[in-house]
Amino acid sequence: MASPIIDRPPAHAEHADSAAKVPAGAASPPLYILTTSCPDTTGIVAAIAGFLAQHHANITEAQHHDDPYTRTSFMRTVFHDDGKGLPGLEALDRAFAGQVGDRFQMRWRFHEVRRRCRSLLAVSRHGHCLNSILHRWSTGTLPVEVVGVVSNHQDMRSLAEWHGVPYHYLPIIDGRRQEQERRLIELFEKSEAELLVLARYMQILTADACRYFEGRAINIHHSFLPGFKGAKAYHQAFERGVKLIGATAHYVTTELDEGPIVEQEVDRVDHTQSAEDMAVVGSELEAVVLNRAIKWHAERRVFRNGRKTVVLK
C-alpha cells in the first residue's frame, strides 16, 4: 500500500529510491526534496541547511513558514549532489533522524523529483477536468504519472483510451457501493498509485474509503467553499444573484466537502448570465483549480495544518 504524501511520522515512513552520484557529462544533477513539519522553535532552518551541507548537498530552493497560531514550522527544501558524493536517500534519512529529525520532533520525508507521483483519476460523466488533466499530463506540464482512469460510467472511455490510459469501468450495481469501493482500492494498490484524483467523480465515498484515502485523495468542488453545496450549486448561486462564482480543490475527509482546502479560484458574473452560462465559467475554473492542486501535491508543496493546509510555492 502506498504511503501518504503530505508528511511522515518520525523514523517510520518509507524511503524513496537511493540517490546516485551524478553521471559524467550529465546536463544537470538529479534533484531531491526534503519536506519537514515540527513544533516551531529556534534553529530549525539552520539545522536543516547545516545537515544538507555536511552531507554534500547543494540547496537550490527553500520555502519556510511558521504558523503563529498552531506554532508549527513547515519547510520544503530542494537540493542536489554538490559533486562530492551525496549518500543514498536511505542512509541520508537515517542520518537525518539522528541528527535533526528526532531532535526537533519532526515529521519529514525525502523525495526524488524524477520519480513522479503515480495518480489514478476518477470521473463520472463530466469530462472537462479529466480532459484538462490528461492534456497537461501528455504534454509534460503536469508532474504526475497517470496510471489509469476509473469510472462508474462508460462515457469517458474513448477519451482515456485516446491518450493511451487504461480505463476501468466500476459500476455501482444494486447499490452495492462498498463492493465497488473495494474494487477501487484494489485497483489503487495494484497500480501502485499514490494519489486518487476525483475529477468530477459524482459519488460520495463511504467513511471507510475516506479514511483509507486520507491525505491521498483530492476532490474538485463546483463551488467556492464554504458555500453552495449539493448537485445544483450553480443554480443555487443563480437564484441568490451572486456576483462571484468559484471552484475549490480540497483533500477528501469523512466530512463531506469539509476537507482541508488546497486551492480556490473565482470569476465575476452578473445578472445577464444564466445558470448555464455560470456553469460554463465554473467548469473552466474547476479544471484550472484542480490542476494547480494536483501539481502542488505532486511537487510536495502541500502540508496539512489542522483543518487547513500550508502550500509552500
C-alpha atoms as a PDB file:
ATOM      1  CA  MET A   1       0.000   0.000   0.000  1.00  0.00           C
ATOM      2  CA  ALA A   2       1.383   3.421  -0.952  1.00  0.00           C
ATOM      3  CA  SER A   3       2.164   5.754   1.913  1.00  0.00           C
ATOM      4  CA  PRO A   4       0.644   9.248   2.368  1.00  0.00           C
ATOM      5  CA  ILE A   5       2.404  12.077   0.566  1.00  0.00           C
ATOM      6  CA  ILE A   6       1.762  15.074   2.835  1.00  0.00           C
ATOM      7  CA  ASP A   7       4.197  14.238   5.657  1.00  0.00           C
ATOM      8  CA  ARG A   8       5.725  11.397   7.606  1.00  0.00           C
ATOM      9  CA  PRO A   9       5.952  10.435  11.272  1.00  0.00           C
ATOM     10  CA  PRO A  10       9.456  10.405  12.706  1.00  0.00           C
ATOM     11  CA  ALA A  11      11.558   7.433  11.637  1.00  0.00           C
ATOM     12  CA  HIS A  12       8.703   5.332  10.275  1.00  0.00           C
ATOM     13  CA  ALA A  13       7.804   6.302   6.671  1.00  0.00           C
ATOM     14  CA  GLU A  14       9.017   4.589   3.539  1.00  0.00           C
ATOM     15  CA  HIS A  15      12.049   5.867   1.687  1.00  0.00           C
ATOM     16  CA  ALA A  16      12.414   6.888  -1.931  1.00  0.00           C
ATOM     17  CA  ASP A  17      14.875   5.059  -4.141  1.00  0.00           C
ATOM     18  CA  SER A  18      18.518   5.582  -3.227  1.00  0.00           C
ATOM     19  CA  ALA A  19      20.171   8.635  -4.725  1.00  0.00           C
ATOM     20  CA  ALA A  20      23.029   8.149  -7.143  1.00  0.00           C
ATOM     21  CA  LYS A  21      26.072  10.220  -7.954  1.00  0.00           C
ATOM     22  CA  VAL A  22      25.766  12.490 -10.956  1.00  0.00           C
ATOM     23  CA  PRO A  23      26.987  10.650 -14.061  1.00  0.00           C
ATOM     24  CA  ALA A  24      29.823  12.231 -16.004  1.00  0.00           C
ATOM     25  CA  GLY A  25      28.606  14.593 -18.703  1.00  0.00           C
ATOM     26  CA  ALA A  26      25.092  14.887 -17.273  1.00  0.00           C
ATOM     27  CA  ALA A  27      23.375  18.183 -18.067  1.00  0.00           C
ATOM     28  CA  SER A  28      22.076  18.603 -14.536  1.00  0.00           C
ATOM     29  CA  PRO A  29      22.183  16.506 -11.369  1.00  0.00           C
ATOM     30  CA  PRO A  30      19.063  14.746 -10.022  1.00  0.00           C
ATOM     31  CA  LEU A  31      17.011  16.865  -7.647  1.00  0.00           C
ATOM     32  CA  TYR A  32      15.605  15.803  -4.293  1.00  0.00           C
ATOM     33  CA  ILE A  33      13.075  17.351  -1.935  1.00  0.00           C
ATOM     34  CA  LEU A  34      13.029  17.282   1.847  1.00  0.00           C
ATOM     35  CA  THR A  35       9.687  18.161   3.466  1.00  0.00           C
ATOM     36  CA  THR A  36       9.502  18.806   7.210  1.00  0.00           C
ATOM     37  CA  SER A  37       6.988  19.949   9.799  1.00  0.00           C
ATOM     38  CA  CYS A  38       7.529  20.269  13.539  1.00  0.00           C
ATOM     39  CA  PRO A  39       6.775  22.421  16.582  1.00  0.00           C
ATOM     40  CA  ASP A  40       8.201  25.878  15.956  1.00  0.00           C
ATOM     41  CA  THR A  41      11.422  26.714  17.749  1.00  0.00           C
ATOM     42  CA  THR A  42      14.786  28.364  17.146  1.00  0.00           C
ATOM     43  CA  GLY A  43      17.356  26.771  14.862  1.00  0.00           C
ATOM     44  CA  ILE A  44      15.232  24.637  12.521  1.00  0.00           C
ATOM     45  CA  VAL A  45      16.329  26.235   9.251  1.00  0.00           C
ATOM     46  CA  ALA A  46      19.963  26.315  10.324  1.00  0.00           C
ATOM     47  CA  ALA A  47      19.869  22.658  11.361  1.00  0.00           C
ATOM     48  CA  ILE A  48      18.399  21.518   8.031  1.00  0.00           C
ATOM     49  CA  ALA A  49      20.778  23.632   5.955  1.00  0.00           C
ATOM     50  CA  GLY A  50      23.766  22.525   8.018  1.00  0.00           C
ATOM     51  CA  PHE A  51      22.835  18.857   7.767  1.00  0.00           C
ATOM     52  CA  LEU A  52      22.492  19.001   3.985  1.00  0.00           C
ATOM     53  CA  ALA A  53      25.778  20.865   3.595  1.00  0.00           C
ATOM     54  CA  GLN A  54      27.510  18.322   5.809  1.00  0.00           C
ATOM     55  CA  HIS A  55      26.258  15.516   3.545  1.00  0.00           C
ATOM     56  CA  HIS A  56      27.400  17.108   0.276  1.00  0.00           C
ATOM     57  CA  ALA A  57      24.031  18.542  -0.766  1.00  0.00           C
ATOM     58  CA  ASN A  58      23.644  21.887  -2.519  1.00  0.00           C
ATOM     59  CA  ILE A  59      20.319  23.655  -1.762  1.00  0.00           C
ATOM     60  CA  THR A  60      18.685  25.130  -4.859  1.00  0.00           C
ATOM     61  CA  GLU A  61      15.315  26.172  -3.435  1.00  0.00           C
ATOM     62  CA  ALA A  62      13.806  26.552   0.035  1.00  0.00           C
ATOM     63  CA  GLN A  63      10.463  27.730   1.372  1.00  0.00           C
ATOM     64  CA  HIS A  64       9.695  28.080   5.054  1.00  0.00           C
ATOM     65  CA  HIS A  65       6.613  29.101   7.027  1.00  0.00           C
ATOM     66  CA  ASP A  66       5.988  29.416  10.757  1.00  0.00           C
ATOM     67  CA  ASP A  67       2.314  29.367  11.748  1.00  0.00           C
ATOM     68  CA  PRO A  68       1.938  31.520  14.890  1.00  0.00           C
ATOM     69  CA  TYR A  69      -1.499  30.049  15.661  1.00  0.00           C
ATOM     70  CA  THR A  70      -0.609  26.356  15.612  1.00  0.00           C
ATOM     71  CA  ARG A  71       3.045  27.104  16.499  1.00  0.00           C
ATOM     72  CA  THR A  72       4.150  24.780  13.746  1.00  0.00           C
ATOM     73  CA  SER A  73       7.074  25.186  11.367  1.00  0.00           C
ATOM     74  CA  PHE A  74       6.843  23.930   7.776  1.00  0.00           C
ATOM     75  CA  MET A  75       9.744  23.703   5.324  1.00  0.00           C
ATOM     76  CA  ARG A  76      10.333  22.434   1.792  1.00  0.00           C
ATOM     77  CA  THR A  77      13.933  22.181   0.648  1.00  0.00           C
ATOM     78  CA  VAL A  78      15.152  21.224  -2.842  1.00  0.00           C
ATOM     79  CA  PHE A  79      18.740  20.034  -3.190  1.00  0.00           C
ATOM     80  CA  HIS A  80      21.171  18.045  -5.316  1.00  0.00           C
ATOM     81  CA  ASP A  81      24.603  16.457  -5.037  1.00  0.00           C
ATOM     82  CA  ASP A  82      27.295  19.136  -4.787  1.00  0.00           C
ATOM     83  CA  GLY A  83      29.668  16.905  -6.733  1.00  0.00           C
ATOM     84  CA  LYS A  84      31.350  15.264  -3.754  1.00  0.00           C
ATOM     85  CA  GLY A  85      29.012  12.289  -3.486  1.00  0.00           C
ATOM     86  CA  LEU A  86      25.557  12.513  -1.898  1.00  0.00           C
ATOM     87  CA  PRO A  87      24.674   9.472   0.248  1.00  0.00           C
ATOM     88  CA  GLY A  88      21.748   7.282  -0.798  1.00  0.00           C
ATOM     89  CA  LEU A  89      18.397   8.527   0.456  1.00  0.00           C
ATOM     90  CA  GLU A  90      18.002   5.669   2.919  1.00  0.00           C
ATOM     91  CA  ALA A  91      21.346   6.488   4.515  1.00  0.00           C
ATOM     92  CA  LEU A  92      20.520  10.197   4.394  1.00  0.00           C
ATOM     93  CA  ASP A  93      17.175   9.521   6.075  1.00  0.00           C
ATOM     94  CA  ARG A  94      18.750   7.542   8.906  1.00  0.00           C
ATOM     95  CA  ALA A  95      21.353  10.228   9.483  1.00  0.00           C
ATOM     96  CA  PHE A  96      18.694  12.950   9.427  1.00  0.00           C
ATOM     97  CA  ALA A  97      16.673  11.118  12.074  1.00  0.00           C
ATOM     98  CA  GLY A  98      19.587  11.017  14.475  1.00  0.00           C
ATOM     99  CA  GLN A  99      20.948  14.500  13.845  1.00  0.00           C
ATOM    100  CA  VAL A 100      17.876  16.639  13.156  1.00  0.00           C
ATOM    101  CA  GLY A 101      14.512  14.884  12.947  1.00  0.00           C
ATOM    102  CA  ASP A 102      14.240  13.391  16.408  1.00  0.00           C
ATOM    103  CA  ARG A 103      15.789  16.473  17.998  1.00  0.00           C
ATOM    104  CA  PHE A 104      13.047  18.763  16.648  1.00  0.00           C
ATOM    105  CA  GLN A 105      10.183  16.198  16.870  1.00  0.00           C
ATOM    106  CA  MET A 106       9.793  16.429  13.102  1.00  0.00           C
ATOM    107  CA  ARG A 107       7.660  14.749  10.549  1.00  0.00           C
ATOM    108  CA  TRP A 108       9.778  14.514   7.423  1.00  0.00           C
ATOM    109  CA  ARG A 109      10.252  12.761   4.144  1.00  0.00           C
ATOM    110  CA  PHE A 110      12.833  12.701   1.360  1.00  0.00           C
ATOM    111  CA  HIS A 111      11.535  12.614  -2.226  1.00  0.00           C
ATOM    112  CA  GLU A 112      13.197  12.040  -5.579  1.00  0.00           C
ATOM    113  CA  VAL A 113      11.933  14.651  -8.055  1.00  0.00           C
ATOM    114  CA  ARG A 114      12.255  12.463 -11.139  1.00  0.00           C
ATOM    115  CA  ARG A 115      10.009   9.852  -9.503  1.00  0.00           C
ATOM    116  CA  ARG A 116       6.644  11.296 -10.485  1.00  0.00           C
ATOM    117  CA  CYS A 117       3.520  10.980  -8.345  1.00  0.00           C
ATOM    118  CA  ARG A 118       1.511   7.999  -9.613  1.00  0.00           C
ATOM    119  CA  SER A 119      -2.099   9.178  -9.947  1.00  0.00           C
ATOM    120  CA  LEU A 120      -5.386   7.366 -10.512  1.00  0.00           C
ATOM    121  CA  LEU A 121      -8.152   9.580 -11.934  1.00  0.00           C
ATOM    122  CA  ALA A 122     -11.822   9.008 -11.074  1.00  0.00           C
ATOM    123  CA  VAL A 123     -14.603  10.529 -13.189  1.00  0.00           C
ATOM    124  CA  SER A 124     -18.310  10.127 -13.879  1.00  0.00           C
ATOM    125  CA  ARG A 125     -19.940  11.850 -16.864  1.00  0.00           C
ATOM    126  CA  HIS A 126     -18.477  15.377 -16.826  1.00  0.00           C
ATOM    127  CA  GLY A 127     -15.169  15.194 -18.688  1.00  0.00           C
ATOM    128  CA  HIS A 128     -13.809  18.749 -18.626  1.00  0.00           C
ATOM    129  CA  CYS A 129     -11.459  18.184 -15.658  1.00  0.00           C
ATOM    130  CA  LEU A 130     -10.330  14.790 -16.930  1.00  0.00           C
ATOM    131  CA  ASN A 131      -9.640  16.203 -20.388  1.00  0.00           C
ATOM    132  CA  SER A 132      -7.576  19.040 -18.920  1.00  0.00           C
ATOM    133  CA  ILE A 133      -5.540  16.723 -16.681  1.00  0.00           C
ATOM    134  CA  LEU A 134      -4.809  14.253 -19.480  1.00  0.00           C
ATOM    135  CA  HIS A 135      -3.792  17.065 -21.829  1.00  0.00           C
ATOM    136  CA  ARG A 136      -1.392  18.587 -19.307  1.00  0.00           C
ATOM    137  CA  TRP A 137      -0.008  15.169 -18.430  1.00  0.00           C
ATOM    138  CA  SER A 138       0.502  14.226 -22.087  1.00  0.00           C
ATOM    139  CA  THR A 139       2.334  17.500 -22.791  1.00  0.00           C
ATOM    140  CA  GLY A 140       4.580  17.134 -19.736  1.00  0.00           C
ATOM    141  CA  THR A 141       3.264  20.189 -17.900  1.00  0.00           C
ATOM    142  CA  LEU A 142       1.720  18.239 -15.019  1.00  0.00           C
ATOM    143  CA  PRO A 143       4.369  16.382 -12.969  1.00  0.00           C
ATOM    144  CA  VAL A 144       2.439  13.145 -12.422  1.00  0.00           C
ATOM    145  CA  GLU A 145       2.284   9.671 -13.906  1.00  0.00           C
ATOM    146  CA  VAL A 146      -1.325   8.846 -14.785  1.00  0.00           C
ATOM    147  CA  VAL A 147      -1.757   5.122 -14.108  1.00  0.00           C
ATOM    148  CA  GLY A 148      -5.418   4.839 -15.067  1.00  0.00           C
ATOM    149  CA  VAL A 149      -8.905   6.274 -15.222  1.00  0.00           C
ATOM    150  CA  VAL A 150     -11.719   4.727 -13.204  1.00  0.00           C
ATOM    151  CA  SER A 151     -15.416   5.481 -13.637  1.00  0.00           C
ATOM    152  CA  ASN A 152     -18.864   4.297 -12.700  1.00  0.00           C
ATOM    153  CA  HIS A 153     -19.932   5.089 -16.304  1.00  0.00           C
ATOM    154  CA  GLN A 154     -18.577   4.337 -19.773  1.00  0.00           C
ATOM    155  CA  ASP A 155     -18.803   7.906 -21.107  1.00  0.00           C
ATOM    156  CA  MET A 156     -15.115   8.834 -20.758  1.00  0.00           C
ATOM    157  CA  ARG A 157     -13.634   5.589 -22.088  1.00  0.00           C
ATOM    158  CA  SER A 158     -12.824   6.931 -25.561  1.00  0.00           C
ATOM    159  CA  LEU A 159     -11.077   9.996 -24.117  1.00  0.00           C
ATOM    160  CA  ALA A 160      -8.898   7.927 -21.789  1.00  0.00           C
ATOM    161  CA  GLU A 161      -8.032   5.346 -24.419  1.00  0.00           C
ATOM    162  CA  TRP A 162      -7.198   8.065 -26.963  1.00  0.00           C
ATOM    163  CA  HIS A 163      -4.495   9.153 -24.508  1.00  0.00           C
ATOM    164  CA  GLY A 164      -3.370   5.553 -24.096  1.00  0.00           C
ATOM    165  CA  VAL A 165      -4.515   5.365 -20.476  1.00  0.00           C
ATOM    166  CA  PRO A 166      -6.179   2.194 -19.094  1.00  0.00           C
ATOM    167  CA  TYR A 167      -9.899   2.689 -18.430  1.00  0.00           C
ATOM    168  CA  HIS A 168     -11.554   0.782 -15.592  1.00  0.00           C
ATOM    169  CA  TYR A 169     -15.348   0.591 -15.545  1.00  0.00           C
ATOM    170  CA  LEU A 170     -16.555   0.039 -11.981  1.00  0.00           C
ATOM    171  CA  PRO A 171     -20.349   0.395 -11.926  1.00  0.00           C
ATOM    172  CA  ILE A 172     -22.304   0.522  -8.685  1.00  0.00           C
ATOM    173  CA  ILE A 173     -24.724  -2.380  -9.123  1.00  0.00           C
ATOM    174  CA  ASP A 174     -27.882  -2.586  -6.996  1.00  0.00           C
ATOM    175  CA  GLY A 175     -26.485  -0.006  -4.600  1.00  0.00           C
ATOM    176  CA  ARG A 176     -23.522  -2.169  -3.619  1.00  0.00           C
ATOM    177  CA  ARG A 177     -21.274   0.831  -3.047  1.00  0.00           C
ATOM    178  CA  GLN A 178     -18.887  -0.836  -0.601  1.00  0.00           C
ATOM    179  CA  GLU A 179     -18.180  -3.672  -3.040  1.00  0.00           C
ATOM    180  CA  GLN A 180     -17.404  -1.151  -5.770  1.00  0.00           C
ATOM    181  CA  GLU A 181     -15.132   0.796  -3.413  1.00  0.00           C
ATOM    182  CA  ARG A 182     -13.226  -2.356  -2.529  1.00  0.00           C
ATOM    183  CA  ARG A 183     -12.515  -2.817  -6.220  1.00  0.00           C
ATOM    184  CA  LEU A 184     -11.409   0.820  -6.428  1.00  0.00           C
ATOM    185  CA  ILE A 185      -8.992   0.339  -3.525  1.00  0.00           C
ATOM    186  CA  GLU A 186      -7.676  -2.891  -5.056  1.00  0.00           C
ATOM    187  CA  LEU A 187      -7.039  -1.030  -8.312  1.00  0.00           C
ATOM    188  CA  PHE A 188      -5.314   1.812  -6.426  1.00  0.00           C
ATOM    189  CA  GLU A 189      -2.990  -0.667  -4.727  1.00  0.00           C
ATOM    190  CA  LYS A 190      -2.371  -2.838  -7.791  1.00  0.00           C
ATOM    191  CA  SER A 191      -1.370   0.201  -9.862  1.00  0.00           C
ATOM    192  CA  GLU A 192       0.870   1.420  -7.010  1.00  0.00           C
ATOM    193  CA  ALA A 193      -0.912   4.758  -7.103  1.00  0.00           C
ATOM    194  CA  GLU A 194      -0.063   7.480  -4.594  1.00  0.00           C
ATOM    195  CA  LEU A 195      -2.899   9.889  -5.347  1.00  0.00           C
ATOM    196  CA  LEU A 196      -6.591   9.499  -6.194  1.00  0.00           C
ATOM    197  CA  VAL A 197      -7.992  12.475  -8.120  1.00  0.00           C
ATOM    198  CA  LEU A 198     -11.769  12.876  -8.046  1.00  0.00           C
ATOM    199  CA  ALA A 199     -12.121  14.714 -11.353  1.00  0.00           C
ATOM    200  CA  ARG A 200     -15.875  15.305 -11.075  1.00  0.00           C
ATOM    201  CA  TYR A 201     -16.481  11.803  -9.755  1.00  0.00           C
ATOM    202  CA  MET A 202     -20.092  12.220  -8.697  1.00  0.00           C
ATOM    203  CA  GLN A 203     -20.175   9.587  -5.989  1.00  0.00           C
ATOM    204  CA  ILE A 204     -19.814  10.167  -2.275  1.00  0.00           C
ATOM    205  CA  LEU A 205     -17.128   7.922  -0.808  1.00  0.00           C
ATOM    206  CA  THR A 206     -18.028   5.973   2.320  1.00  0.00           C
ATOM    207  CA  ALA A 207     -16.375   6.828   5.615  1.00  0.00           C
ATOM    208  CA  ASP A 208     -14.155   3.752   5.360  1.00  0.00           C
ATOM    209  CA  ALA A 209     -12.934   4.784   1.908  1.00  0.00           C
ATOM    210  CA  CYS A 210     -12.352   8.357   3.070  1.00  0.00           C
ATOM    211  CA  ARG A 211     -10.212   7.108   5.919  1.00  0.00           C
ATOM    212  CA  TYR A 212      -8.252   4.836   3.565  1.00  0.00           C
ATOM    213  CA  PHE A 213      -7.533   7.694   1.134  1.00  0.00           C
ATOM    214  CA  GLU A 214      -6.897  10.376   3.760  1.00  0.00           C
ATOM    215  CA  GLY A 215      -4.117  12.648   2.544  1.00  0.00           C
ATOM    216  CA  ARG A 216      -4.097  10.790  -0.791  1.00  0.00           C
ATOM    217  CA  ALA A 217      -7.327  11.953  -2.460  1.00  0.00           C
ATOM    218  CA  ILE A 218      -8.096  15.380  -3.917  1.00  0.00           C
ATOM    219  CA  ASN A 219     -11.616  16.399  -4.882  1.00  0.00           C
ATOM    220  CA  ILE A 220     -12.824  19.309  -7.000  1.00  0.00           C
ATOM    221  CA  HIS A 221     -15.977  21.004  -5.794  1.00  0.00           C
ATOM    222  CA  HIS A 222     -18.027  23.149  -8.129  1.00  0.00           C
ATOM    223  CA  SER A 223     -18.396  25.924  -5.611  1.00  0.00           C
ATOM    224  CA  PHE A 224     -16.298  28.435  -3.715  1.00  0.00           C
ATOM    225  CA  LEU A 225     -16.391  26.606  -0.377  1.00  0.00           C
ATOM    226  CA  PRO A 226     -17.742  27.016   2.112  1.00  0.00           C
ATOM    227  CA  GLY A 227     -20.794  27.931   0.106  1.00  0.00           C
ATOM    228  CA  PHE A 228     -23.495  26.356  -2.017  1.00  0.00           C
ATOM    229  CA  LYS A 229     -23.432  22.595  -1.632  1.00  0.00           C
ATOM    230  CA  GLY A 230     -25.118  19.778  -3.478  1.00  0.00           C
ATOM    231  CA  ALA A 231     -25.627  18.797  -7.093  1.00  0.00           C
ATOM    232  CA  LYS A 232     -27.001  22.143  -8.338  1.00  0.00           C
ATOM    233  CA  ALA A 233     -24.571  24.611  -6.836  1.00  0.00           C
ATOM    234  CA  TYR A 234     -24.677  26.916  -9.865  1.00  0.00           C
ATOM    235  CA  HIS A 235     -28.464  27.031  -9.831  1.00  0.00           C
ATOM    236  CA  GLN A 236     -28.387  27.917  -6.137  1.00  0.00           C
ATOM    237  CA  ALA A 237     -25.856  30.638  -6.895  1.00  0.00           C
ATOM    238  CA  PHE A 238     -28.000  31.908  -9.759  1.00  0.00           C
ATOM    239  CA  GLU A 239     -31.097  32.082  -7.575  1.00  0.00           C
ATOM    240  CA  ARG A 240     -29.165  34.086  -4.971  1.00  0.00           C
ATOM    241  CA  GLY A 241     -27.822  36.518  -7.575  1.00  0.00           C
ATOM    242  CA  VAL A 242     -24.169  36.008  -6.703  1.00  0.00           C
ATOM    243  CA  LYS A 243     -21.500  38.228  -8.233  1.00  0.00           C
ATOM    244  CA  LEU A 244     -18.640  35.749  -7.872  1.00  0.00           C
ATOM    245  CA  ILE A 245     -18.557  32.037  -8.593  1.00  0.00           C
ATOM    246  CA  GLY A 246     -15.677  29.728  -7.997  1.00  0.00           C
ATOM    247  CA  ALA A 247     -14.232  26.268  -7.542  1.00  0.00           C
ATOM    248  CA  THR A 248     -12.450  24.574  -4.648  1.00  0.00           C
ATOM    249  CA  ALA A 249      -9.926  21.715  -4.600  1.00  0.00           C
ATOM    250  CA  HIS A 250      -9.641  20.002  -1.236  1.00  0.00           C
ATOM    251  CA  TYR A 251      -8.482  16.791   0.379  1.00  0.00           C
ATOM    252  CA  VAL A 252     -11.118  14.153   0.966  1.00  0.00           C
ATOM    253  CA  THR A 253     -12.165  13.508   4.568  1.00  0.00           C
ATOM    254  CA  THR A 254     -15.108  11.823   6.262  1.00  0.00           C
ATOM    255  CA  GLU A 255     -16.768  15.243   6.487  1.00  0.00           C
ATOM    256  CA  LEU A 256     -18.436  15.841   3.119  1.00  0.00           C
ATOM    257  CA  ASP A 257     -16.822  18.766   1.276  1.00  0.00           C
ATOM    258  CA  GLU A 258     -15.151  19.936   4.501  1.00  0.00           C
ATOM    259  CA  GLY A 259     -11.617  18.650   3.874  1.00  0.00           C
ATOM    260  CA  PRO A 260      -8.543  20.904   4.025  1.00  0.00           C
ATOM    261  CA  ILE A 261      -8.601  23.319   1.077  1.00  0.00           C
ATOM    262  CA  VAL A 262      -5.647  23.227  -1.309  1.00  0.00           C
ATOM    263  CA  GLU A 263      -6.659  25.822  -3.903  1.00  0.00           C
ATOM    264  CA  GLN A 264      -9.559  28.069  -4.918  1.00  0.00           C
ATOM    265  CA  GLU A 265     -10.339  30.448  -7.768  1.00  0.00           C
ATOM    266  CA  VAL A 266     -13.213  32.794  -8.603  1.00  0.00           C
ATOM    267  CA  ASP A 267     -14.572  34.718 -11.562  1.00  0.00           C
ATOM    268  CA  ARG A 268     -17.043  37.590 -11.711  1.00  0.00           C
ATOM    269  CA  VAL A 269     -20.551  37.102 -13.088  1.00  0.00           C
ATOM    270  CA  ASP A 270     -23.602  39.334 -13.321  1.00  0.00           C
ATOM    271  CA  HIS A 271     -27.363  39.395 -13.844  1.00  0.00           C
ATOM    272  CA  THR A 272     -27.100  38.943 -17.615  1.00  0.00           C
ATOM    273  CA  GLN A 273     -25.781  35.399 -17.266  1.00  0.00           C
ATOM    274  CA  SER A 274     -27.962  32.333 -16.900  1.00  0.00           C
ATOM    275  CA  ALA A 275     -27.269  29.342 -14.674  1.00  0.00           C
ATOM    276  CA  GLU A 276     -25.987  27.538 -17.777  1.00  0.00           C
ATOM    277  CA  ASP A 277     -23.604  30.434 -18.533  1.00  0.00           C
ATOM    278  CA  MET A 278     -22.321  30.253 -14.973  1.00  0.00           C
ATOM    279  CA  ALA A 279     -21.805  26.510 -15.300  1.00  0.00           C
ATOM    280  CA  VAL A 280     -19.551  27.084 -18.316  1.00  0.00           C
ATOM    281  CA  VAL A 281     -17.467  29.634 -16.415  1.00  0.00           C
ATOM    282  CA  GLY A 282     -17.402  27.323 -13.428  1.00  0.00           C
ATOM    283  CA  SER A 283     -16.244  24.300 -15.416  1.00  0.00           C
ATOM    284  CA  GLU A 284     -13.249  26.279 -16.674  1.00  0.00           C
ATOM    285  CA  LEU A 285     -12.390  27.318 -13.118  1.00  0.00           C
ATOM    286  CA  GLU A 286     -12.691  23.717 -11.915  1.00  0.00           C
ATOM    287  CA  ALA A 287     -10.132  22.474 -14.414  1.00  0.00           C
ATOM    288  CA  VAL A 288      -7.651  25.229 -13.532  1.00  0.00           C
ATOM    289  CA  VAL A 289      -8.029  24.797  -9.779  1.00  0.00           C
ATOM    290  CA  LEU A 290      -7.803  21.002  -9.846  1.00  0.00           C
ATOM    291  CA  ASN A 291      -4.661  21.047 -11.985  1.00  0.00           C
ATOM    292  CA  ARG A 292      -2.997  23.504  -9.618  1.00  0.00           C
ATOM    293  CA  ALA A 293      -3.843  21.346  -6.615  1.00  0.00           C
ATOM    294  CA  ILE A 294      -2.528  18.185  -8.289  1.00  0.00           C
ATOM    295  CA  LYS A 295       0.673  19.942  -9.341  1.00  0.00           C
ATOM    296  CA  TRP A 296       1.369  21.337  -5.882  1.00  0.00           C
ATOM    297  CA  HIS A 297       0.628  17.998  -4.240  1.00  0.00           C
ATOM    298  CA  ALA A 298       2.910  16.184  -6.697  1.00  0.00           C
ATOM    299  CA  GLU A 299       5.670  18.729  -6.086  1.00  0.00           C
ATOM    300  CA  ARG A 300       5.386  18.113  -2.324  1.00  0.00           C
ATOM    301  CA  ARG A 301       4.318  21.691  -1.614  1.00  0.00           C
ATOM    302  CA  VAL A 302       1.186  20.933   0.425  1.00  0.00           C
ATOM    303  CA  PHE A 303       1.277  20.387   4.197  1.00  0.00           C
ATOM    304  CA  ARG A 304      -1.656  19.515   6.433  1.00  0.00           C
ATOM    305  CA  ASN A 305      -2.102  22.095   9.188  1.00  0.00           C
ATOM    306  CA  GLY A 306      -5.068  21.008  11.286  1.00  0.00           C
ATOM    307  CA  ARG A 307      -8.204  21.626   9.220  1.00  0.00           C
ATOM    308  CA  LYS A 308      -6.220  23.790   6.791  1.00  0.00           C
ATOM    309  CA  THR A 309      -3.229  23.417   4.518  1.00  0.00           C
ATOM    310  CA  VAL A 310       0.005  25.304   4.039  1.00  0.00           C
ATOM    311  CA  VAL A 311       1.085  25.473   0.396  1.00  0.00           C
ATOM    312  CA  LEU A 312       4.742  26.465   0.002  1.00  0.00           C
ATOM    313  CA  LYS A 313       5.013  27.940  -3.503  1.00  0.00           C
END
